[in-house]
N, C-alpha and C. Protein backbone atom coordinates (compact mmCIF):
# COMPACT_ATOMS: atom_id res chain seq x y z
N MET A 1 -72.27 -101.68 -123.15
CA MET A 1 -70.82 -101.72 -123.23
C MET A 1 -70.39 -103.16 -123.48
N THR A 2 -69.39 -103.32 -124.29
CA THR A 2 -68.87 -104.64 -124.60
C THR A 2 -67.63 -104.92 -123.75
N VAL A 3 -67.23 -106.18 -123.73
CA VAL A 3 -66.01 -106.57 -123.02
C VAL A 3 -64.80 -105.84 -123.61
N GLU A 4 -64.79 -105.72 -124.92
CA GLU A 4 -63.67 -105.04 -125.58
C GLU A 4 -63.59 -103.57 -125.18
N GLU A 5 -64.75 -102.91 -125.04
CA GLU A 5 -64.76 -101.51 -124.63
C GLU A 5 -64.24 -101.35 -123.20
N LEU A 6 -64.63 -102.26 -122.32
CA LEU A 6 -64.13 -102.22 -120.95
C LEU A 6 -62.63 -102.48 -120.92
N ALA A 7 -62.17 -103.45 -121.72
CA ALA A 7 -60.73 -103.75 -121.77
C ALA A 7 -59.94 -102.53 -122.25
N GLN A 8 -60.44 -101.86 -123.26
CA GLN A 8 -59.77 -100.67 -123.77
C GLN A 8 -59.76 -99.56 -122.72
N TYR A 9 -60.87 -99.38 -122.04
CA TYR A 9 -60.96 -98.37 -120.99
C TYR A 9 -59.96 -98.67 -119.86
N LEU A 10 -59.91 -99.93 -119.43
CA LEU A 10 -58.99 -100.32 -118.35
C LEU A 10 -57.53 -100.21 -118.77
N SER A 11 -57.24 -100.48 -120.04
CA SER A 11 -55.85 -100.41 -120.50
C SER A 11 -55.31 -98.99 -120.37
N SER A 12 -56.18 -97.99 -120.42
CA SER A 12 -55.73 -96.61 -120.25
C SER A 12 -55.53 -96.26 -118.77
N LYS A 13 -55.96 -97.14 -117.85
CA LYS A 13 -55.89 -96.88 -116.42
C LYS A 13 -54.84 -97.72 -115.70
N LYS A 14 -54.05 -98.48 -116.42
CA LYS A 14 -53.11 -99.42 -115.80
C LYS A 14 -52.19 -98.73 -114.84
N PRO A 15 -51.71 -99.43 -113.81
CA PRO A 15 -51.95 -100.83 -113.51
C PRO A 15 -53.25 -101.07 -112.77
N GLY A 16 -53.83 -100.03 -112.22
CA GLY A 16 -55.06 -100.20 -111.49
C GLY A 16 -55.93 -98.97 -111.61
N PHE A 17 -57.10 -99.06 -111.04
CA PHE A 17 -58.08 -97.99 -111.15
C PHE A 17 -58.89 -97.97 -109.87
N GLN A 18 -59.23 -96.80 -109.39
CA GLN A 18 -60.12 -96.70 -108.24
C GLN A 18 -61.35 -95.93 -108.67
N THR A 19 -62.52 -96.52 -108.40
CA THR A 19 -63.78 -95.89 -108.79
C THR A 19 -64.07 -94.68 -107.91
N GLN A 20 -65.09 -93.93 -108.29
CA GLN A 20 -65.52 -92.77 -107.52
C GLN A 20 -65.90 -93.16 -106.10
N ASN A 21 -66.38 -94.39 -105.92
CA ASN A 21 -66.84 -94.87 -104.62
C ASN A 21 -65.83 -95.75 -103.90
N GLY A 22 -64.56 -95.69 -104.32
CA GLY A 22 -63.48 -96.31 -103.57
C GLY A 22 -63.18 -97.77 -103.85
N LEU A 23 -63.75 -98.36 -104.88
CA LEU A 23 -63.44 -99.75 -105.22
C LEU A 23 -62.19 -99.76 -106.09
N SER A 24 -61.15 -100.48 -105.66
CA SER A 24 -59.92 -100.61 -106.44
C SER A 24 -60.05 -101.80 -107.36
N ILE A 25 -59.68 -101.59 -108.62
CA ILE A 25 -59.81 -102.64 -109.65
C ILE A 25 -58.47 -102.78 -110.36
N TYR A 26 -58.05 -104.04 -110.51
CA TYR A 26 -56.76 -104.33 -111.13
C TYR A 26 -56.95 -105.34 -112.25
N LEU A 27 -56.35 -105.05 -113.40
CA LEU A 27 -56.37 -105.95 -114.54
C LEU A 27 -54.95 -106.42 -114.77
N ILE A 28 -54.71 -107.73 -114.56
CA ILE A 28 -53.37 -108.29 -114.71
C ILE A 28 -53.47 -109.55 -115.56
N ASP A 29 -52.80 -109.54 -116.69
CA ASP A 29 -52.77 -110.69 -117.60
C ASP A 29 -54.16 -111.24 -117.91
N GLY A 30 -55.10 -110.35 -118.16
CA GLY A 30 -56.45 -110.77 -118.54
C GLY A 30 -57.36 -111.11 -117.39
N SER A 31 -56.82 -111.29 -116.18
CA SER A 31 -57.65 -111.53 -115.00
C SER A 31 -57.92 -110.20 -114.32
N ILE A 32 -59.07 -110.10 -113.70
CA ILE A 32 -59.44 -108.85 -113.06
C ILE A 32 -59.80 -109.11 -111.61
N SER A 33 -59.36 -108.25 -110.74
CA SER A 33 -59.68 -108.38 -109.31
C SER A 33 -60.13 -107.02 -108.79
N SER A 34 -60.85 -107.08 -107.69
CA SER A 34 -61.31 -105.84 -107.08
C SER A 34 -61.22 -105.97 -105.57
N ASN A 35 -61.03 -104.84 -104.90
CA ASN A 35 -61.09 -104.86 -103.45
C ASN A 35 -61.56 -103.51 -102.93
N TYR A 36 -62.25 -103.58 -101.82
CA TYR A 36 -62.72 -102.39 -101.13
C TYR A 36 -62.23 -102.49 -99.69
N ASP A 37 -61.42 -101.52 -99.27
CA ASP A 37 -60.81 -101.55 -97.94
C ASP A 37 -61.49 -100.54 -97.02
N PHE A 38 -61.66 -100.95 -95.76
CA PHE A 38 -62.12 -100.02 -94.74
C PHE A 38 -61.60 -100.48 -93.39
N GLU A 39 -61.54 -99.56 -92.45
CA GLU A 39 -61.00 -99.86 -91.12
C GLU A 39 -61.98 -99.46 -90.04
N MET A 40 -61.88 -100.17 -88.92
CA MET A 40 -62.58 -99.78 -87.70
C MET A 40 -61.46 -99.57 -86.68
N GLU A 41 -60.81 -98.40 -86.78
CA GLU A 41 -59.62 -98.13 -85.98
C GLU A 41 -59.87 -98.23 -84.49
N GLU A 42 -61.04 -97.78 -84.05
CA GLU A 42 -61.33 -97.84 -82.62
C GLU A 42 -61.36 -99.28 -82.11
N LEU A 43 -61.64 -100.23 -82.99
CA LEU A 43 -61.64 -101.64 -82.61
C LEU A 43 -60.38 -102.37 -83.08
N GLU A 44 -59.50 -101.65 -83.78
CA GLU A 44 -58.22 -102.18 -84.27
C GLU A 44 -58.38 -103.34 -85.25
N PHE A 45 -59.31 -103.19 -86.18
CA PHE A 45 -59.51 -104.17 -87.25
C PHE A 45 -59.58 -103.45 -88.58
N SER A 46 -59.04 -104.11 -89.62
CA SER A 46 -59.21 -103.61 -90.98
C SER A 46 -59.89 -104.70 -91.80
N PHE A 47 -60.65 -104.27 -92.79
CA PHE A 47 -61.45 -105.17 -93.61
C PHE A 47 -61.18 -104.90 -95.08
N SER A 48 -61.22 -105.96 -95.87
CA SER A 48 -61.07 -105.82 -97.31
C SER A 48 -62.00 -106.81 -97.99
N LEU A 49 -62.94 -106.29 -98.76
CA LEU A 49 -63.80 -107.14 -99.58
C LEU A 49 -63.05 -107.38 -100.88
N PHE A 50 -62.82 -108.63 -101.22
CA PHE A 50 -61.94 -108.97 -102.33
C PHE A 50 -62.63 -109.97 -103.25
N SER A 51 -62.55 -109.71 -104.55
CA SER A 51 -63.09 -110.69 -105.51
C SER A 51 -62.17 -110.76 -106.72
N GLU A 52 -62.20 -111.90 -107.35
CA GLU A 52 -61.43 -112.14 -108.57
C GLU A 52 -62.36 -112.72 -109.62
N ALA A 53 -62.15 -112.30 -110.84
CA ALA A 53 -62.89 -112.88 -111.96
C ALA A 53 -61.88 -113.37 -112.97
N GLU A 54 -62.19 -114.47 -113.60
CA GLU A 54 -61.25 -115.02 -114.57
C GLU A 54 -61.24 -114.24 -115.87
N SER A 55 -62.33 -113.53 -116.14
CA SER A 55 -62.40 -112.78 -117.38
C SER A 55 -63.17 -111.48 -117.16
N LEU A 56 -63.00 -110.56 -118.07
CA LEU A 56 -63.76 -109.31 -118.00
C LEU A 56 -65.25 -109.58 -118.15
N HIS A 57 -65.59 -110.56 -118.96
CA HIS A 57 -67.00 -110.92 -119.13
C HIS A 57 -67.60 -111.35 -117.78
N ASP A 58 -66.90 -112.22 -117.05
CA ASP A 58 -67.37 -112.65 -115.73
C ASP A 58 -67.50 -111.46 -114.78
N PHE A 59 -66.53 -110.56 -114.83
CA PHE A 59 -66.56 -109.36 -113.98
C PHE A 59 -67.80 -108.52 -114.30
N MET A 60 -68.03 -108.28 -115.57
CA MET A 60 -69.18 -107.46 -115.97
C MET A 60 -70.49 -108.11 -115.54
N GLU A 61 -70.59 -109.41 -115.68
CA GLU A 61 -71.81 -110.10 -115.25
C GLU A 61 -71.95 -110.07 -113.73
N GLY A 62 -70.86 -110.35 -113.01
CA GLY A 62 -70.89 -110.40 -111.55
C GLY A 62 -71.25 -109.07 -110.92
N PHE A 63 -70.76 -107.98 -111.48
CA PHE A 63 -71.04 -106.65 -110.95
C PHE A 63 -72.19 -105.96 -111.68
N ARG A 64 -72.75 -106.64 -112.67
CA ARG A 64 -73.87 -106.10 -113.46
C ARG A 64 -73.51 -104.76 -114.10
N VAL A 65 -72.36 -104.72 -114.73
CA VAL A 65 -71.88 -103.51 -115.39
C VAL A 65 -72.43 -103.48 -116.81
N LYS A 66 -73.14 -102.38 -117.12
CA LYS A 66 -73.72 -102.21 -118.46
C LYS A 66 -73.09 -101.04 -119.21
N SER A 67 -72.42 -100.14 -118.45
CA SER A 67 -71.84 -98.95 -119.07
C SER A 67 -70.61 -98.50 -118.28
N ILE A 68 -69.88 -97.57 -118.86
CA ILE A 68 -68.72 -97.00 -118.16
C ILE A 68 -69.18 -96.31 -116.88
N ASN A 69 -70.33 -95.67 -116.92
CA ASN A 69 -70.86 -95.02 -115.71
C ASN A 69 -71.13 -96.04 -114.61
N ASP A 70 -71.70 -97.20 -114.97
CA ASP A 70 -71.90 -98.28 -113.99
C ASP A 70 -70.56 -98.70 -113.39
N PHE A 71 -69.57 -98.85 -114.25
CA PHE A 71 -68.24 -99.29 -113.83
C PHE A 71 -67.63 -98.27 -112.86
N GLU A 72 -67.69 -97.00 -113.22
CA GLU A 72 -67.08 -95.96 -112.39
C GLU A 72 -67.81 -95.75 -111.07
N ALA A 73 -69.07 -96.20 -110.97
CA ALA A 73 -69.85 -96.02 -109.75
C ALA A 73 -69.74 -97.20 -108.79
N LEU A 74 -68.99 -98.25 -109.16
CA LEU A 74 -68.87 -99.41 -108.28
C LEU A 74 -68.25 -99.03 -106.95
N GLY A 75 -68.74 -99.66 -105.88
CA GLY A 75 -68.23 -99.35 -104.56
C GLY A 75 -68.52 -100.45 -103.56
N TYR A 76 -68.61 -100.06 -102.31
CA TYR A 76 -68.81 -100.99 -101.20
C TYR A 76 -70.05 -101.86 -101.39
N GLU A 77 -71.17 -101.25 -101.73
CA GLU A 77 -72.42 -102.01 -101.84
C GLU A 77 -72.31 -103.13 -102.87
N ASN A 78 -71.67 -102.83 -103.99
CA ASN A 78 -71.51 -103.83 -105.04
C ASN A 78 -70.64 -105.00 -104.57
N SER A 79 -69.56 -104.68 -103.86
CA SER A 79 -68.69 -105.74 -103.34
C SER A 79 -69.40 -106.54 -102.26
N TRP A 80 -70.16 -105.86 -101.42
CA TRP A 80 -70.87 -106.53 -100.34
C TRP A 80 -71.90 -107.51 -100.91
N ILE A 81 -72.60 -107.13 -101.96
CA ILE A 81 -73.56 -108.03 -102.61
C ILE A 81 -72.84 -109.26 -103.15
N ARG A 82 -71.66 -109.07 -103.72
CA ARG A 82 -70.90 -110.22 -104.22
C ARG A 82 -70.49 -111.14 -103.07
N TYR A 83 -70.11 -110.59 -101.92
CA TYR A 83 -69.79 -111.42 -100.76
C TYR A 83 -71.02 -112.24 -100.34
N LEU A 84 -72.15 -111.58 -100.22
CA LEU A 84 -73.36 -112.28 -99.82
C LEU A 84 -73.80 -113.33 -100.83
N ASN A 85 -73.44 -113.12 -102.10
CA ASN A 85 -73.74 -114.09 -103.16
C ASN A 85 -72.64 -115.12 -103.35
N ARG A 86 -71.70 -115.17 -102.40
CA ARG A 86 -70.60 -116.15 -102.39
C ARG A 86 -69.62 -115.97 -103.55
N GLU A 87 -69.47 -114.74 -104.01
CA GLU A 87 -68.58 -114.45 -105.13
C GLU A 87 -67.40 -113.57 -104.72
N ALA A 88 -67.25 -113.34 -103.41
CA ALA A 88 -66.15 -112.51 -102.90
C ALA A 88 -65.78 -113.00 -101.51
N ASP A 89 -64.59 -112.63 -101.07
CA ASP A 89 -64.10 -112.96 -99.74
C ASP A 89 -64.01 -111.67 -98.92
N MET A 90 -64.15 -111.85 -97.63
CA MET A 90 -63.89 -110.75 -96.70
C MET A 90 -62.57 -111.09 -96.02
N GLU A 91 -61.58 -110.23 -96.16
CA GLU A 91 -60.31 -110.42 -95.48
C GLU A 91 -60.29 -109.48 -94.28
N VAL A 92 -60.07 -110.04 -93.10
CA VAL A 92 -60.09 -109.27 -91.87
C VAL A 92 -58.73 -109.40 -91.19
N THR A 93 -58.19 -108.26 -90.80
CA THR A 93 -56.90 -108.23 -90.13
C THR A 93 -57.06 -107.56 -88.78
N GLN A 94 -56.66 -108.28 -87.77
CA GLN A 94 -56.58 -107.67 -86.45
C GLN A 94 -55.24 -106.94 -86.44
N MET A 95 -55.28 -105.65 -86.27
CA MET A 95 -54.07 -104.84 -86.47
C MET A 95 -52.89 -105.29 -85.62
N GLU A 96 -53.15 -105.95 -84.52
CA GLU A 96 -52.09 -106.48 -83.67
C GLU A 96 -51.33 -107.60 -84.39
N PHE A 97 -52.01 -108.32 -85.30
CA PHE A 97 -51.41 -109.44 -86.03
C PHE A 97 -51.53 -109.21 -87.53
N GLU A 98 -50.93 -108.13 -88.02
CA GLU A 98 -51.06 -107.75 -89.43
C GLU A 98 -50.57 -108.82 -90.39
N GLU A 99 -49.62 -109.64 -89.96
CA GLU A 99 -49.06 -110.66 -90.86
C GLU A 99 -49.95 -111.88 -90.99
N GLY A 100 -51.05 -111.91 -90.28
CA GLY A 100 -51.93 -113.08 -90.33
C GLY A 100 -53.39 -112.74 -90.56
N PRO A 101 -53.72 -112.15 -91.73
CA PRO A 101 -55.13 -111.85 -91.99
C PRO A 101 -55.93 -113.14 -92.20
N LEU A 102 -57.18 -113.09 -91.85
CA LEU A 102 -58.09 -114.22 -92.08
C LEU A 102 -59.04 -113.87 -93.21
N ARG A 103 -59.33 -114.87 -94.04
CA ARG A 103 -60.32 -114.71 -95.09
C ARG A 103 -61.57 -115.47 -94.71
N PHE A 104 -62.70 -114.85 -94.99
CA PHE A 104 -64.00 -115.44 -94.72
C PHE A 104 -64.74 -115.57 -96.04
N ARG A 105 -65.32 -116.74 -96.28
CA ARG A 105 -66.08 -116.99 -97.51
C ARG A 105 -67.34 -117.76 -97.15
N LEU A 106 -68.47 -117.26 -97.60
CA LEU A 106 -69.72 -117.97 -97.38
C LEU A 106 -69.76 -119.18 -98.29
N HIS A 107 -70.22 -120.31 -97.75
CA HIS A 107 -70.31 -121.54 -98.53
C HIS A 107 -71.48 -122.34 -97.98
N LYS A 108 -72.48 -122.53 -98.80
CA LYS A 108 -73.70 -123.24 -98.40
C LYS A 108 -74.23 -122.66 -97.10
N MET A 109 -74.34 -123.44 -96.05
CA MET A 109 -74.93 -122.96 -94.79
C MET A 109 -73.86 -122.63 -93.74
N LYS A 110 -72.64 -122.32 -94.18
CA LYS A 110 -71.57 -122.05 -93.24
C LYS A 110 -70.64 -120.97 -93.79
N THR A 111 -69.69 -120.58 -92.95
CA THR A 111 -68.65 -119.64 -93.36
C THR A 111 -67.31 -120.35 -93.23
N LEU A 112 -66.54 -120.35 -94.31
CA LEU A 112 -65.19 -120.91 -94.29
C LEU A 112 -64.24 -119.81 -93.83
N VAL A 113 -63.33 -120.16 -92.95
CA VAL A 113 -62.35 -119.22 -92.42
C VAL A 113 -60.97 -119.82 -92.69
N PHE A 114 -60.11 -119.04 -93.35
CA PHE A 114 -58.80 -119.60 -93.69
C PHE A 114 -57.75 -118.51 -93.80
N SER A 115 -56.50 -118.94 -93.66
CA SER A 115 -55.36 -118.05 -93.84
C SER A 115 -54.20 -118.88 -94.35
N ALA A 116 -53.75 -118.59 -95.56
CA ALA A 116 -52.61 -119.32 -96.12
C ALA A 116 -51.35 -119.02 -95.32
N SER A 117 -51.16 -117.78 -94.91
CA SER A 117 -49.94 -117.43 -94.20
C SER A 117 -49.86 -118.05 -92.81
N LEU A 118 -51.01 -118.37 -92.22
CA LEU A 118 -51.02 -119.00 -90.90
C LEU A 118 -51.26 -120.51 -90.95
N HIS A 119 -51.48 -121.05 -92.15
CA HIS A 119 -51.82 -122.47 -92.29
C HIS A 119 -53.04 -122.79 -91.41
N TYR A 120 -54.07 -121.95 -91.57
CA TYR A 120 -55.22 -122.02 -90.67
C TYR A 120 -56.49 -122.25 -91.49
N TYR A 121 -57.37 -123.11 -90.96
CA TYR A 121 -58.67 -123.37 -91.59
C TYR A 121 -59.69 -123.68 -90.50
N ASP A 122 -60.87 -123.14 -90.67
CA ASP A 122 -61.96 -123.39 -89.72
C ASP A 122 -63.27 -123.25 -90.48
N GLU A 123 -64.32 -123.80 -89.91
CA GLU A 123 -65.67 -123.65 -90.46
C GLU A 123 -66.59 -123.20 -89.35
N VAL A 124 -67.43 -122.23 -89.66
CA VAL A 124 -68.41 -121.72 -88.72
C VAL A 124 -69.77 -122.06 -89.31
N TYR A 125 -70.61 -122.71 -88.55
CA TYR A 125 -71.88 -123.17 -89.09
C TYR A 125 -72.98 -122.12 -88.97
N GLU A 126 -72.63 -120.95 -89.46
CA GLU A 126 -73.56 -119.83 -89.64
C GLU A 126 -72.90 -118.87 -90.62
N HIS A 127 -73.69 -117.96 -91.16
CA HIS A 127 -73.12 -116.98 -92.07
C HIS A 127 -72.65 -115.77 -91.29
N LEU A 128 -71.37 -115.46 -91.41
CA LEU A 128 -70.81 -114.26 -90.80
C LEU A 128 -70.96 -113.14 -91.83
N ARG A 129 -71.69 -112.10 -91.44
CA ARG A 129 -72.02 -111.06 -92.42
C ARG A 129 -71.71 -109.65 -91.97
N MET A 130 -71.71 -109.40 -90.71
CA MET A 130 -71.52 -108.03 -90.21
C MET A 130 -70.11 -107.89 -89.63
N PRO A 131 -69.54 -106.68 -89.65
CA PRO A 131 -68.22 -106.52 -89.05
C PRO A 131 -68.15 -107.07 -87.62
N GLU A 132 -69.23 -106.91 -86.89
CA GLU A 132 -69.27 -107.43 -85.52
C GLU A 132 -69.14 -108.96 -85.48
N ASP A 133 -69.68 -109.64 -86.50
CA ASP A 133 -69.58 -111.10 -86.59
C ASP A 133 -68.12 -111.53 -86.72
N PHE A 134 -67.37 -110.82 -87.57
CA PHE A 134 -65.96 -111.17 -87.79
C PHE A 134 -65.13 -110.89 -86.54
N ILE A 135 -65.40 -109.77 -85.90
CA ILE A 135 -64.69 -109.43 -84.67
C ILE A 135 -65.00 -110.45 -83.58
N THR A 136 -66.26 -110.84 -83.46
CA THR A 136 -66.65 -111.86 -82.48
C THR A 136 -65.93 -113.17 -82.76
N TYR A 137 -65.74 -113.51 -84.06
CA TYR A 137 -64.99 -114.72 -84.40
C TYR A 137 -63.57 -114.61 -83.86
N PHE A 138 -62.90 -113.49 -84.10
CA PHE A 138 -61.54 -113.30 -83.61
C PHE A 138 -61.49 -113.46 -82.09
N LEU A 139 -62.39 -112.80 -81.41
CA LEU A 139 -62.37 -112.84 -79.94
C LEU A 139 -62.69 -114.22 -79.40
N GLY A 140 -63.61 -114.94 -80.02
CA GLY A 140 -64.00 -116.27 -79.55
C GLY A 140 -63.00 -117.36 -79.89
N ASN A 141 -62.10 -117.08 -80.83
CA ASN A 141 -61.13 -118.08 -81.27
C ASN A 141 -59.70 -117.62 -81.04
N GLN A 142 -59.52 -116.72 -80.09
CA GLN A 142 -58.21 -116.14 -79.84
C GLN A 142 -57.15 -117.19 -79.52
N ALA A 143 -57.50 -118.22 -78.76
CA ALA A 143 -56.51 -119.25 -78.40
C ALA A 143 -56.03 -119.99 -79.64
N LYS A 144 -56.96 -120.41 -80.53
CA LYS A 144 -56.58 -121.11 -81.76
C LYS A 144 -55.74 -120.21 -82.67
N LEU A 145 -56.10 -118.95 -82.75
CA LEU A 145 -55.36 -118.02 -83.59
C LEU A 145 -53.96 -117.75 -83.04
N ASN A 146 -53.84 -117.67 -81.73
CA ASN A 146 -52.52 -117.48 -81.13
C ASN A 146 -51.60 -118.66 -81.43
N VAL A 147 -52.14 -119.88 -81.40
CA VAL A 147 -51.35 -121.06 -81.74
C VAL A 147 -50.92 -121.00 -83.21
N ALA A 148 -51.85 -120.63 -84.09
CA ALA A 148 -51.53 -120.54 -85.51
C ALA A 148 -50.45 -119.48 -85.76
N ILE A 149 -50.56 -118.36 -85.09
CA ILE A 149 -49.57 -117.29 -85.24
C ILE A 149 -48.20 -117.74 -84.72
N ALA A 150 -48.20 -118.41 -83.60
CA ALA A 150 -46.94 -118.90 -83.01
C ALA A 150 -46.27 -119.94 -83.91
N ASN A 151 -47.07 -120.74 -84.61
CA ASN A 151 -46.53 -121.83 -85.44
C ASN A 151 -46.40 -121.48 -86.91
N ARG A 152 -46.66 -120.27 -87.32
CA ARG A 152 -46.73 -119.94 -88.74
C ARG A 152 -45.44 -120.19 -89.50
N TYR A 153 -44.29 -120.12 -88.85
CA TYR A 153 -43.02 -120.36 -89.53
C TYR A 153 -42.52 -121.78 -89.41
N LYS A 154 -43.24 -122.62 -88.71
CA LYS A 154 -42.78 -124.00 -88.49
C LYS A 154 -43.18 -124.93 -89.62
N PHE A 155 -44.12 -124.53 -90.45
CA PHE A 155 -44.61 -125.43 -91.51
C PHE A 155 -44.15 -124.99 -92.86
């Protein structure tokens, strides 16, 4: 499959498309983004694996798409591999603080944690990879997060 074939296929699906395996894909002004959402309601957390590519070519290479069938089969596993390869972010929202989701991005030997809406940034000197890792981060940093939430409108 060529980039042009994928562009033509996506143009018939505007504004967005959801694959058979639940990956949402959006093509806006030539840029393409994807996200896969899931929740752990019993723990009151929601998760979104999110990636952006500057071009369809980059998207096809990043997700290893060779055909329309490959494209339509994209799902959680594909997004998770991109996160582990430092090509996607994990956005985690503690349902109690929906207005302040945190993004996690692997970088070298650490995990970057940030939130534009909270003016928050932190670094964890290990790779956070499992849902339990993200939840443990929230619980272990509750005091810092509460301060960020309280001050979010002051800056």
